[in-house]
Protein backbone atom coordinates (compact mmCIF):
# COMPACT_ATOMS: atom_id res chain seq x y z
CA VAL A 1 -4.85 13.42 -10.28
CA GLN A 2 -5.91 15.82 -7.54
CA LEU A 3 -8.04 18.78 -8.60
CA GLN A 4 -8.36 22.04 -6.67
CA ALA A 5 -10.98 24.51 -7.88
CA SER A 6 -10.86 28.19 -6.96
CA GLY A 7 -12.04 31.59 -8.09
CA GLY A 8 -15.65 31.53 -6.97
CA GLY A 9 -17.26 34.48 -5.28
CA SER A 10 -20.19 36.86 -5.25
CA VAL A 11 -20.93 39.16 -8.17
CA GLN A 12 -23.84 41.18 -9.48
CA ALA A 13 -25.72 40.19 -12.60
CA GLY A 14 -23.75 41.09 -15.69
CA GLY A 15 -20.43 40.62 -13.94
CA SER A 16 -17.61 38.21 -14.64
CA LEU A 17 -15.58 35.62 -12.80
CA ARG A 18 -12.78 33.28 -13.82
CA LEU A 19 -12.62 29.90 -12.19
CA SER A 20 -9.40 27.93 -12.05
CA CYS A 21 -8.79 24.25 -11.42
CA ALA A 22 -5.23 23.30 -10.52
CA ALA A 23 -4.25 19.70 -11.14
CA SER A 24 -1.50 17.76 -9.45
CA GLY A 25 -0.32 14.20 -9.68
CA ARG A 26 -0.44 12.47 -13.02
CA ALA A 27 0.03 14.45 -16.20
CA PHE A 28 -3.09 16.55 -16.56
CA SER A 29 -2.49 16.91 -20.27
CA PHE A 30 -3.54 13.26 -20.75
CA TYR A 31 -7.09 13.97 -19.58
CA ASN A 32 -10.17 15.53 -21.04
CA ALA A 33 -11.63 18.02 -18.55
CA ALA A 34 -14.94 19.62 -17.75
CA TRP A 35 -16.87 21.93 -15.47
CA PHE A 36 -20.12 20.97 -13.78
CA ARG A 37 -22.32 22.91 -11.41
CA GLN A 38 -24.91 22.15 -8.81
CA ALA A 39 -27.41 24.70 -7.62
CA PRO A 40 -29.12 24.33 -4.23
CA GLY A 41 -31.86 21.74 -4.45
CA LYS A 42 -30.97 20.76 -8.00
CA GLU A 43 -29.01 17.98 -9.61
CA ARG A 44 -25.51 18.47 -10.86
CA GLU A 45 -25.39 19.61 -14.48
CA PHE A 46 -22.76 19.75 -17.16
CA VAL A 47 -21.48 23.24 -18.00
CA ALA A 48 -18.45 22.99 -20.28
CA ALA A 49 -15.91 20.47 -21.50
CA ILE A 50 -12.54 20.73 -23.18
CA SER A 51 -10.46 18.08 -24.87
CA TRP A 52 -7.02 17.12 -23.58
CA SER A 53 -5.35 19.29 -26.21
CA GLY A 54 -7.72 22.21 -25.80
CA GLY A 55 -8.70 21.89 -29.41
CA SER A 56 -12.35 21.05 -28.79
CA THR A 57 -14.84 22.63 -26.43
CA TYR A 58 -18.50 21.96 -25.67
CA TYR A 59 -21.03 23.95 -23.67
CA VAL A 60 -24.49 23.56 -22.31
CA ASP A 61 -26.85 25.80 -24.27
CA SER A 62 -27.53 28.09 -21.32
CA VAL A 63 -23.89 29.27 -21.12
CA GLU A 64 -22.96 29.17 -24.81
CA GLY A 65 -21.49 32.53 -25.81
CA ARG A 66 -21.03 33.64 -22.18
CA PHE A 67 -18.64 31.05 -20.74
CA THR A 68 -15.30 29.95 -22.17
CA ALA A 69 -13.37 26.88 -21.08
CA SER A 70 -9.62 26.81 -21.61
CA ARG A 71 -6.59 25.03 -20.25
CA ASP A 72 -2.86 25.53 -19.87
CA ASN A 73 -1.30 22.10 -19.81
CA ALA A 74 2.12 23.57 -19.03
CA LYS A 75 0.61 24.90 -15.80
CA ASN A 76 -1.68 21.88 -15.24
CA THR A 77 -4.60 24.26 -14.95
CA LEU A 78 -8.14 24.36 -16.29
CA TYR A 79 -10.08 27.62 -16.53
CA LEU A 80 -13.67 28.75 -16.93
CA GLN A 81 -14.15 32.38 -17.89
CA MET A 82 -17.70 33.38 -17.04
CA ASN A 83 -19.09 36.59 -18.46
CA SER A 84 -22.55 38.16 -18.35
CA LEU A 85 -23.35 36.18 -15.25
CA GLN A 86 -27.00 35.78 -14.33
CA PRO A 87 -28.67 34.79 -11.05
CA GLU A 88 -29.45 31.37 -12.54
CA ASP A 89 -25.71 30.75 -12.76
CA THR A 90 -25.58 30.64 -8.97
CA ALA A 91 -24.20 27.23 -8.00
CA THR A 92 -21.21 25.37 -6.72
CA TYR A 93 -18.90 24.70 -9.65
CA TYR A 94 -16.84 21.53 -9.89
CA CYS A 95 -14.01 20.62 -12.20
CA ALA A 96 -13.53 17.08 -13.40
CA ALA A 97 -11.04 15.11 -15.44
CA SER A 98 -11.42 11.89 -17.35
CA SER A 99 -9.41 9.50 -19.47
CA LEU A 100 -12.64 8.59 -21.24
CA ALA A 101 -14.00 10.26 -24.35
CA LEU A 102 -15.57 13.68 -24.05
CA ASP A 103 -19.09 12.40 -24.58
CA SER A 104 -18.72 10.18 -21.52
CA LEU A 105 -17.26 12.99 -19.46
CA ILE A 106 -20.13 15.27 -20.44
CA LYS A 107 -22.48 12.65 -18.98
CA GLY A 108 -20.62 12.91 -15.70
CA ARG A 109 -18.34 9.88 -16.00
CA ALA A 110 -15.19 11.41 -14.57
CA ASP A 111 -12.16 9.78 -13.04
CA TYR A 112 -11.42 12.74 -10.79
CA TRP A 113 -13.44 15.56 -9.24
CA GLY A 114 -12.40 18.79 -7.59
CA GLN A 115 -13.93 19.96 -4.33
CA GLY A 116 -16.08 22.77 -5.76
CA THR A 117 -16.06 26.54 -5.63
CA LYS A 118 -19.19 28.56 -4.94
CA VAL A 119 -20.50 31.22 -7.30
CA THR A 120 -23.29 33.56 -6.23
CA VAL A 121 -24.84 36.01 -8.68
CA SER A 122 -27.20 38.63 -7.31
CA SER A 123 -29.77 40.55 -9.34
């Protein structure tokens, strides 16, 4: 599976962005998927995960209620809708896919990673 993330950009605090992650290769619908982010000088952190069917989602506490992960398996695409963005959301966002269980993916154990898309939120 090849993953291509897009949709990053610069917004002011309180704004919104929608990230997309297009998958190609093997059937994306077989994989659980997730979003991670890495801010400058910080370690990569888990942001959101979604099961292969889209029926289950998980979020880090700091984005709960503001971010929504979704997927369209017919389009082989993963999404992250980000609302009420804050400066602390500034980071490079990566999508990931895994054949492992969601709890492993949330810990960063992914089979495939996208190249990252940068999000900058100004105050």
